[in-house]
Amino acid sequence: MLRQADWTVQPDHEPDAKPHTYAQECDLCGEGSARSTDQESGTLWILEHVRTSPSHHFYKQIVKRPFRTWMR
């Protein structure tokens, strides 16, 4: 049986929510850092990557945030 329901979607801020995780990725070659809950670890990865690949200047941060849904 199906019924129409209103759903709510929002970031999960509950005490048992999974933590935000962060990674950095090189826009030129696609290599990336390990995923971490510490944003700064990706910055260190970028500095190491640019040291070994001096022509790679552009990076992106990839963020995973937990969301939750529930019926109203």
Protein backbone atom coordinates (compact mmCIF):
# COMPACT_ATOMS: atom_id res chain seq x y z
CA MET A 1 0.00 0.00 0.00
CA LEU A 2 1.33 3.44 -0.90
CA ARG A 3 0.41 6.72 0.67
CA GLN A 4 1.48 10.28 0.07
CA ALA A 5 3.79 11.64 2.77
CA ASP A 6 5.72 14.84 3.37
CA TRP A 7 9.42 14.25 3.92
CA THR A 8 11.96 16.53 5.55
CA VAL A 9 15.67 16.47 4.64
CA GLN A 10 18.34 18.25 6.65
CA PRO A 11 21.96 17.93 7.80
CA ASP A 12 22.29 15.37 10.58
CA HIS A 13 23.32 17.10 13.81
CA GLU A 14 22.27 14.27 16.10
CA PRO A 15 24.87 13.09 18.66
CA ASP A 16 25.28 9.77 16.80
CA ALA A 17 25.70 11.38 13.36
CA LYS A 18 28.73 10.41 11.33
CA PRO A 19 31.39 13.16 11.24
CA HIS A 20 32.02 15.42 8.27
CA THR A 21 34.96 14.16 6.23
CA TYR A 22 37.25 16.05 3.89
CA ALA A 23 39.61 15.21 1.03
CA GLN A 24 41.57 17.28 -1.48
CA GLU A 25 41.88 16.45 -5.16
CA CYS A 26 44.23 17.78 -7.83
CA ASP A 27 42.25 19.23 -10.75
CA LEU A 28 45.03 18.42 -13.23
CA CYS A 29 45.82 14.75 -12.56
CA GLY A 30 42.93 13.63 -10.34
CA GLU A 31 45.13 12.34 -7.52
CA GLY A 32 43.69 12.93 -4.09
CA SER A 33 44.34 12.89 -0.39
CA ALA A 34 42.96 10.35 2.02
CA ARG A 35 39.56 11.21 3.49
CA SER A 36 39.84 12.64 7.01
CA THR A 37 37.79 14.38 9.68
CA ASP A 38 40.63 16.95 9.88
CA GLN A 39 40.45 19.61 7.16
CA GLU A 40 44.12 20.49 7.61
CA SER A 41 45.43 17.06 6.60
CA GLY A 42 44.30 17.77 3.03
CA THR A 43 46.26 21.02 3.01
CA LEU A 44 49.42 19.11 3.93
CA TRP A 45 48.71 16.68 1.10
CA ILE A 46 48.43 19.60 -1.37
CA LEU A 47 51.78 21.00 -0.27
CA GLU A 48 53.44 17.59 -0.75
CA HIS A 49 51.72 17.10 -4.13
CA VAL A 50 52.77 20.49 -5.48
CA ARG A 51 56.34 19.80 -4.28
CA THR A 52 56.47 16.65 -6.42
CA SER A 53 54.32 18.11 -9.25
CA PRO A 54 55.22 21.82 -9.42
CA SER A 55 52.95 22.56 -12.40
CA HIS A 56 49.82 21.40 -10.51
CA HIS A 57 48.25 24.57 -9.09
CA PHE A 58 44.51 23.89 -8.80
CA TYR A 59 42.75 21.69 -6.26
CA LYS A 60 39.25 21.07 -4.96
CA GLN A 61 38.02 20.09 -1.52
CA ILE A 62 35.54 17.22 -1.36
CA VAL A 63 33.29 17.32 1.69
CA LYS A 64 30.96 14.57 2.88
CA ARG A 65 28.26 15.70 5.33
CA PRO A 66 25.70 13.38 6.84
CA PHE A 67 22.03 14.13 6.12
CA ARG A 68 18.89 12.59 7.52
CA THR A 69 15.28 12.31 6.43
CA TRP A 70 12.04 11.71 8.23
CA MET A 71 8.33 11.81 7.54
CA ARG A 72 6.38 14.67 9.03
